[in-house]
Amino acid sequence: MKGFLLILEVVLSLTLLFSLLFFFHSRLIIKEEPILKLDEIGKIALTILDEKGVLEERIYADDFSSLNDDLDSTLPISVKYNFFVYNLTSLIGSKINGEASGVTTNVIYFLYGNESYYNPRKIELVLWYRE
């Protein structure tokens, strides 16, 4: 009878030990770094270009090919995009890098001109993940 109780105690102890290990291991997996959403990626990319002065320079010079190159080097390789640039009344430029597929996100960013004149531009960035 003592042998049976000893075996039962060992089995229960091991079961409790493995349960605790599984519980703590699963808790560690849950605490991974958060993944940025597509709209956050787009806002960050446009903000970086704006803070460098590149965004304003390209937009007001109508140099959309160079802006496309700048976005290529700023956005992660896993993200594809198209962009459209508007003035107060109409579309003034765009760059289509492919047909949007899957889940897309639109990011709107505004430029208001420089210190000497008000000349607003709206940049619409359409983002999606590569397949």
N, C-alpha and C. Protein backbone atom coordinates (compact mmCIF):
# COMPACT_ATOMS: atom_id res chain seq x y z
N MET A 1 0.81 -1.18 0.00
CA MET A 1 0.00 0.00 0.00
C MET A 1 0.87 1.26 0.00
N LYS A 2 2.02 1.25 0.75
CA LYS A 2 2.91 2.39 0.77
C LYS A 2 3.49 2.67 -0.61
N GLY A 3 3.82 1.63 -1.34
CA GLY A 3 4.36 1.77 -2.70
C GLY A 3 3.37 2.44 -3.63
N PHE A 4 2.10 2.05 -3.54
CA PHE A 4 1.06 2.61 -4.38
C PHE A 4 0.88 4.10 -4.08
N LEU A 5 0.86 4.50 -2.81
CA LEU A 5 0.72 5.90 -2.43
C LEU A 5 1.93 6.72 -2.89
N LEU A 6 3.11 6.13 -2.83
CA LEU A 6 4.32 6.81 -3.27
C LEU A 6 4.26 7.06 -4.78
N ILE A 7 3.84 6.05 -5.54
CA ILE A 7 3.70 6.21 -7.00
C ILE A 7 2.64 7.25 -7.32
N LEU A 8 1.52 7.22 -6.63
CA LEU A 8 0.45 8.19 -6.85
C LEU A 8 0.94 9.61 -6.54
N GLU A 9 1.70 9.76 -5.47
CA GLU A 9 2.25 11.07 -5.10
C GLU A 9 3.22 11.58 -6.16
N VAL A 10 4.06 10.72 -6.70
CA VAL A 10 5.00 11.10 -7.75
C VAL A 10 4.26 11.51 -9.02
N VAL A 11 3.23 10.75 -9.40
CA VAL A 11 2.45 11.06 -10.61
C VAL A 11 1.75 12.41 -10.45
N LEU A 12 1.13 12.67 -9.31
CA LEU A 12 0.47 13.95 -9.07
C LEU A 12 1.48 15.10 -9.07
N SER A 13 2.64 14.88 -8.47
CA SER A 13 3.68 15.93 -8.45
C SER A 13 4.16 16.26 -9.85
N LEU A 14 4.40 15.22 -10.67
CA LEU A 14 4.84 15.46 -12.05
C LEU A 14 3.75 16.16 -12.87
N THR A 15 2.50 15.76 -12.64
CA THR A 15 1.39 16.41 -13.35
C THR A 15 1.32 17.89 -13.00
N LEU A 16 1.44 18.20 -11.73
CA LEU A 16 1.42 19.58 -11.28
C LEU A 16 2.61 20.36 -11.85
N LEU A 17 3.79 19.75 -11.84
CA LEU A 17 4.99 20.39 -12.37
C LEU A 17 4.84 20.71 -13.86
N PHE A 18 4.39 19.74 -14.66
CA PHE A 18 4.21 19.97 -16.10
C PHE A 18 3.11 20.99 -16.37
N SER A 19 2.07 21.01 -15.58
CA SER A 19 1.01 22.01 -15.74
C SER A 19 1.56 23.41 -15.50
N LEU A 20 2.35 23.57 -14.46
CA LEU A 20 2.94 24.87 -14.18
C LEU A 20 3.91 25.30 -15.28
N LEU A 21 4.73 24.37 -15.76
CA LEU A 21 5.66 24.69 -16.85
C LEU A 21 4.91 25.11 -18.11
N PHE A 22 3.85 24.40 -18.45
CA PHE A 22 3.04 24.74 -19.62
C PHE A 22 2.40 26.11 -19.45
N PHE A 23 1.88 26.39 -18.27
CA PHE A 23 1.23 27.67 -18.00
C PHE A 23 2.23 28.82 -18.17
N PHE A 24 3.40 28.72 -17.56
CA PHE A 24 4.38 29.80 -17.65
C PHE A 24 4.97 29.93 -19.04
N HIS A 25 5.15 28.82 -19.74
CA HIS A 25 5.66 28.87 -21.11
C HIS A 25 4.66 29.58 -22.02
N SER A 26 3.38 29.28 -21.90
CA SER A 26 2.37 29.93 -22.73
C SER A 26 2.26 31.41 -22.40
N ARG A 27 2.47 31.80 -21.16
CA ARG A 27 2.44 33.22 -20.77
C ARG A 27 3.62 33.97 -21.40
N LEU A 28 4.76 33.33 -21.52
CA LEU A 28 5.92 33.97 -22.13
C LEU A 28 5.70 34.20 -23.61
N ILE A 29 5.06 33.27 -24.28
CA ILE A 29 4.79 33.40 -25.71
C ILE A 29 3.83 34.56 -25.97
N ILE A 30 2.87 34.77 -25.13
CA ILE A 30 1.88 35.83 -25.31
C ILE A 30 2.52 37.21 -25.22
N LYS A 31 3.60 37.35 -24.49
CA LYS A 31 4.22 38.65 -24.27
C LYS A 31 5.21 39.03 -25.37
N GLU A 32 4.99 38.60 -26.60
CA GLU A 32 5.85 38.99 -27.71
C GLU A 32 5.61 40.47 -28.03
N GLU A 33 6.55 41.06 -28.75
CA GLU A 33 6.43 42.46 -29.15
C GLU A 33 5.21 42.65 -30.05
N PRO A 34 4.49 43.75 -29.89
CA PRO A 34 3.34 43.99 -30.75
C PRO A 34 3.78 44.28 -32.18
N ILE A 35 2.98 43.88 -33.12
CA ILE A 35 3.25 44.10 -34.53
C ILE A 35 2.58 45.40 -34.95
N LEU A 36 3.30 46.23 -35.69
CA LEU A 36 2.73 47.48 -36.16
C LEU A 36 1.64 47.21 -37.19
N LYS A 37 0.60 48.00 -37.14
CA LYS A 37 -0.47 47.91 -38.12
C LYS A 37 -0.04 48.66 -39.38
N LEU A 38 -0.69 48.34 -40.50
CA LEU A 38 -0.33 48.96 -41.76
C LEU A 38 -0.45 50.47 -41.71
N ASP A 39 -1.51 50.99 -41.09
CA ASP A 39 -1.67 52.45 -41.07
C ASP A 39 -0.55 53.10 -40.25
N GLU A 40 -0.10 52.44 -39.19
CA GLU A 40 1.01 52.99 -38.40
C GLU A 40 2.30 52.98 -39.21
N ILE A 41 2.51 51.94 -39.98
CA ILE A 41 3.70 51.86 -40.84
C ILE A 41 3.69 53.00 -41.85
N GLY A 42 2.54 53.24 -42.47
CA GLY A 42 2.43 54.33 -43.45
C GLY A 42 2.64 55.69 -42.82
N LYS A 43 2.04 55.94 -41.66
CA LYS A 43 2.20 57.23 -40.98
C LYS A 43 3.65 57.46 -40.60
N ILE A 44 4.31 56.42 -40.11
CA ILE A 44 5.71 56.55 -39.71
C ILE A 44 6.59 56.86 -40.93
N ALA A 45 6.35 56.17 -42.04
CA ALA A 45 7.15 56.40 -43.25
C ALA A 45 6.99 57.84 -43.74
N LEU A 46 5.75 58.32 -43.81
CA LEU A 46 5.52 59.69 -44.28
C LEU A 46 6.09 60.71 -43.30
N THR A 47 5.99 60.45 -42.02
CA THR A 47 6.54 61.36 -41.02
C THR A 47 8.06 61.43 -41.12
N ILE A 48 8.71 60.30 -41.34
CA ILE A 48 10.16 60.28 -41.50
C ILE A 48 10.58 61.13 -42.70
N LEU A 49 9.89 60.94 -43.82
CA LEU A 49 10.22 61.71 -45.02
C LEU A 49 9.94 63.20 -44.81
N ASP A 50 8.86 63.51 -44.09
CA ASP A 50 8.52 64.90 -43.83
C ASP A 50 9.56 65.55 -42.92
N GLU A 51 9.99 64.85 -41.88
CA GLU A 51 10.98 65.41 -40.95
C GLU A 51 12.34 65.62 -41.63
N LYS A 52 12.65 64.81 -42.62
CA LYS A 52 13.89 65.00 -43.38
C LYS A 52 13.78 66.15 -44.37
N GLY A 53 12.55 66.61 -44.65
CA GLY A 53 12.33 67.66 -45.65
C GLY A 53 12.15 67.11 -47.04
N VAL A 54 12.26 65.80 -47.19
CA VAL A 54 12.18 65.16 -48.50
C VAL A 54 10.75 65.19 -49.05
N LEU A 55 9.78 64.96 -48.19
CA LEU A 55 8.39 64.89 -48.64
C LEU A 55 7.95 66.21 -49.27
N GLU A 56 8.18 67.30 -48.58
CA GLU A 56 7.80 68.61 -49.10
C GLU A 56 8.55 68.93 -50.39
N GLU A 57 9.83 68.63 -50.40
CA GLU A 57 10.65 68.90 -51.59
C GLU A 57 10.12 68.15 -52.81
N ARG A 58 9.82 66.87 -52.66
CA ARG A 58 9.34 66.07 -53.79
C ARG A 58 7.93 66.48 -54.23
N ILE A 59 7.05 66.72 -53.26
CA ILE A 59 5.66 67.03 -53.59
C ILE A 59 5.55 68.35 -54.34
N TYR A 60 6.21 69.40 -53.83
CA TYR A 60 6.08 70.72 -54.46
C TYR A 60 6.88 70.85 -55.74
N ALA A 61 7.80 69.93 -55.99
CA ALA A 61 8.53 69.89 -57.26
C ALA A 61 7.86 68.95 -58.25
N ASP A 62 6.74 68.33 -57.86
CA ASP A 62 6.04 67.33 -58.68
C ASP A 62 6.99 66.20 -59.11
N ASP A 63 7.90 65.83 -58.24
CA ASP A 63 8.87 64.77 -58.51
C ASP A 63 8.38 63.47 -57.86
N PHE A 64 7.37 62.90 -58.48
CA PHE A 64 6.72 61.73 -57.89
C PHE A 64 7.53 60.45 -58.06
N SER A 65 8.38 60.39 -59.07
CA SER A 65 9.25 59.22 -59.22
C SER A 65 10.27 59.14 -58.08
N SER A 66 10.85 60.29 -57.72
CA SER A 66 11.80 60.30 -56.60
C SER A 66 11.09 60.02 -55.29
N LEU A 67 9.87 60.54 -55.13
CA LEU A 67 9.10 60.24 -53.93
C LEU A 67 8.82 58.74 -53.83
N ASN A 68 8.53 58.13 -54.97
CA ASN A 68 8.31 56.69 -54.99
C ASN A 68 9.57 55.94 -54.53
N ASP A 69 10.73 56.38 -55.01
CA ASP A 69 12.00 55.76 -54.59
C ASP A 69 12.23 55.94 -53.09
N ASP A 70 11.90 57.15 -52.58
CA ASP A 70 12.06 57.41 -51.15
C ASP A 70 11.14 56.51 -50.31
N LEU A 71 9.91 56.34 -50.77
CA LEU A 71 8.98 55.46 -50.06
C LEU A 71 9.46 54.01 -50.11
N ASP A 72 10.00 53.61 -51.26
CA ASP A 72 10.56 52.24 -51.38
C ASP A 72 11.64 51.99 -50.34
N SER A 73 12.48 52.98 -50.12
CA SER A 73 13.58 52.78 -49.18
C SER A 73 13.14 52.94 -47.73
N THR A 74 11.98 53.55 -47.49
CA THR A 74 11.52 53.79 -46.12
C THR A 74 10.56 52.70 -45.64
N LEU A 75 9.69 52.23 -46.51
CA LEU A 75 8.71 51.21 -46.12
C LEU A 75 9.35 49.82 -46.07
N PRO A 76 8.85 48.93 -45.21
CA PRO A 76 9.37 47.56 -45.19
C PRO A 76 9.13 46.86 -46.52
N ILE A 77 9.97 45.92 -46.84
CA ILE A 77 9.87 45.21 -48.12
C ILE A 77 8.58 44.39 -48.22
N SER A 78 7.99 44.05 -47.08
CA SER A 78 6.76 43.24 -47.09
C SER A 78 5.51 44.05 -47.41
N VAL A 79 5.66 45.38 -47.53
CA VAL A 79 4.51 46.25 -47.77
C VAL A 79 4.58 46.83 -49.17
N LYS A 80 3.47 46.74 -49.90
CA LYS A 80 3.34 47.38 -51.21
C LYS A 80 2.44 48.59 -51.05
N TYR A 81 2.50 49.50 -52.00
CA TYR A 81 1.74 50.74 -51.86
C TYR A 81 1.50 51.41 -53.21
N ASN A 82 0.51 52.25 -53.23
CA ASN A 82 0.25 53.23 -54.28
C ASN A 82 0.07 54.55 -53.57
N PHE A 83 0.37 55.66 -54.25
CA PHE A 83 0.08 56.94 -53.62
C PHE A 83 -0.52 57.91 -54.61
N PHE A 84 -1.29 58.85 -54.07
CA PHE A 84 -1.99 59.87 -54.84
C PHE A 84 -1.76 61.21 -54.15
N VAL A 85 -1.51 62.25 -54.94
CA VAL A 85 -1.27 63.58 -54.38
C VAL A 85 -2.32 64.53 -54.97
N TYR A 86 -2.97 65.29 -54.08
CA TYR A 86 -4.04 66.21 -54.47
C TYR A 86 -3.68 67.63 -54.05
N ASN A 87 -4.14 68.61 -54.84
CA ASN A 87 -4.11 69.99 -54.36
C ASN A 87 -5.52 70.30 -53.85
N LEU A 88 -5.90 71.55 -53.76
CA LEU A 88 -7.22 71.89 -53.22
C LEU A 88 -8.37 71.32 -54.03
N THR A 89 -8.18 71.17 -55.34
CA THR A 89 -9.32 70.81 -56.20
C THR A 89 -9.20 69.48 -56.94
N SER A 90 -7.99 68.99 -57.16
CA SER A 90 -7.90 67.80 -58.00
C SER A 90 -6.63 66.99 -57.75
N LEU A 91 -6.60 65.83 -58.38
CA LEU A 91 -5.43 64.95 -58.34
C LEU A 91 -4.34 65.57 -59.20
N ILE A 92 -3.14 65.72 -58.63
CA ILE A 92 -2.05 66.30 -59.42
C ILE A 92 -0.93 65.31 -59.70
N GLY A 93 -0.96 64.16 -59.06
CA GLY A 93 0.07 63.15 -59.32
C GLY A 93 -0.22 61.87 -58.59
N SER A 94 0.31 60.78 -59.13
CA SER A 94 0.12 59.49 -58.49
C SER A 94 1.22 58.54 -58.94
N LYS A 95 1.33 57.47 -58.21
CA LYS A 95 2.25 56.40 -58.58
C LYS A 95 1.56 55.09 -58.23
N ILE A 96 1.30 54.28 -59.23
CA ILE A 96 0.65 52.99 -59.05
C ILE A 96 1.73 51.91 -59.14
N ASN A 97 1.92 51.20 -58.03
CA ASN A 97 2.95 50.15 -57.97
C ASN A 97 2.36 48.75 -58.03
N GLY A 98 1.11 48.64 -58.37
CA GLY A 98 0.47 47.35 -58.47
C GLY A 98 -0.97 47.43 -58.04
N GLU A 99 -1.68 46.36 -58.31
CA GLU A 99 -3.08 46.30 -57.91
C GLU A 99 -3.15 45.85 -56.45
N ALA A 100 -3.88 46.64 -55.66
CA ALA A 100 -4.03 46.33 -54.24
C ALA A 100 -4.73 44.99 -54.08
N SER A 101 -4.20 44.17 -53.17
CA SER A 101 -4.81 42.87 -52.93
C SER A 101 -4.85 42.60 -51.44
N GLY A 102 -5.82 41.83 -51.03
CA GLY A 102 -5.95 41.52 -49.61
C GLY A 102 -6.47 42.73 -48.84
N VAL A 103 -6.05 42.85 -47.62
CA VAL A 103 -6.47 43.94 -46.76
C VAL A 103 -5.66 45.19 -47.10
N THR A 104 -6.34 46.28 -47.39
CA THR A 104 -5.65 47.53 -47.68
C THR A 104 -5.96 48.56 -46.59
N THR A 105 -5.07 49.52 -46.47
CA THR A 105 -5.24 50.61 -45.52
C THR A 105 -4.88 51.91 -46.23
N ASN A 106 -5.68 52.93 -46.00
CA ASN A 106 -5.39 54.25 -46.56
C ASN A 106 -4.86 55.15 -45.45
N VAL A 107 -3.80 55.86 -45.75
CA VAL A 107 -3.23 56.82 -44.83
C VAL A 107 -3.27 58.18 -45.53
N ILE A 108 -3.82 59.17 -44.86
CA ILE A 108 -3.91 60.52 -45.40
C ILE A 108 -2.90 61.40 -44.65
N TYR A 109 -2.14 62.19 -45.39
CA TYR A 109 -1.13 63.06 -44.80
C TYR A 109 -1.24 64.41 -45.50
N PHE A 110 -1.12 65.50 -44.75
CA PHE A 110 -1.28 66.84 -45.31
C PHE A 110 0.02 67.64 -45.21
N LEU A 111 0.27 68.42 -46.25
CA LEU A 111 1.31 69.45 -46.25
C LEU A 111 0.60 70.77 -46.51
N TYR A 112 1.05 71.83 -45.89
CA TYR A 112 0.34 73.11 -45.99
C TYR A 112 1.13 74.19 -46.71
N GLY A 113 2.23 73.87 -47.32
CA GLY A 113 3.04 74.88 -48.00
C GLY A 113 4.26 75.18 -47.16
N ASN A 114 4.87 76.31 -47.45
CA ASN A 114 6.02 76.70 -46.64
C ASN A 114 5.73 78.00 -45.91
N GLU A 115 6.75 78.60 -45.34
CA GLU A 115 6.54 79.79 -44.50
C GLU A 115 6.04 81.00 -45.29
N SER A 116 6.22 81.04 -46.58
CA SER A 116 5.82 82.23 -47.35
C SER A 116 4.48 82.09 -48.08
N TYR A 117 3.97 80.90 -48.24
CA TYR A 117 2.67 80.77 -48.91
C TYR A 117 1.92 79.52 -48.44
N TYR A 118 0.59 79.63 -48.53
CA TYR A 118 -0.31 78.52 -48.18
C TYR A 118 -0.62 77.79 -49.47
N ASN A 119 -0.19 76.55 -49.56
CA ASN A 119 -0.39 75.76 -50.77
C ASN A 119 -0.57 74.30 -50.36
N PRO A 120 -1.75 73.97 -49.87
CA PRO A 120 -1.94 72.63 -49.28
C PRO A 120 -1.86 71.51 -50.31
N ARG A 121 -1.37 70.38 -49.81
CA ARG A 121 -1.33 69.13 -50.58
C ARG A 121 -1.81 68.01 -49.66
N LYS A 122 -2.56 67.11 -50.25
CA LYS A 122 -3.01 65.91 -49.53
C LYS A 122 -2.35 64.71 -50.18
N ILE A 123 -1.70 63.89 -49.37
CA ILE A 123 -1.07 62.66 -49.86
C ILE A 123 -1.89 61.50 -49.33
N GLU A 124 -2.36 60.66 -50.24
CA GLU A 124 -3.09 59.46 -49.84
C GLU A 124 -2.20 58.26 -50.19
N LEU A 125 -1.86 57.51 -49.19
CA LEU A 125 -1.01 56.33 -49.33
C LEU A 125 -1.87 55.10 -49.11
N VAL A 126 -1.95 54.23 -50.10
CA VAL A 126 -2.73 52.99 -49.99
C VAL A 126 -1.72 51.85 -49.81
N LEU A 127 -1.86 51.13 -48.69
CA LEU A 127 -0.88 50.10 -48.33
C LEU A 127 -1.53 48.73 -48.25
N TRP A 128 -0.76 47.69 -48.58
CA TRP A 128 -1.17 46.31 -48.39
C TRP A 128 0.08 45.44 -48.30
N TYR A 129 -0.08 44.25 -47.76
CA TYR A 129 1.05 43.33 -47.65
C TYR A 129 1.24 42.56 -48.94
N ARG A 130 2.51 42.32 -49.29
CA ARG A 130 2.82 41.49 -50.46
C ARG A 130 2.32 40.08 -50.25
N GLU A 131 1.94 39.45 -51.30
CA GLU A 131 1.47 38.05 -51.21
C GLU A 131 2.61 37.09 -51.39
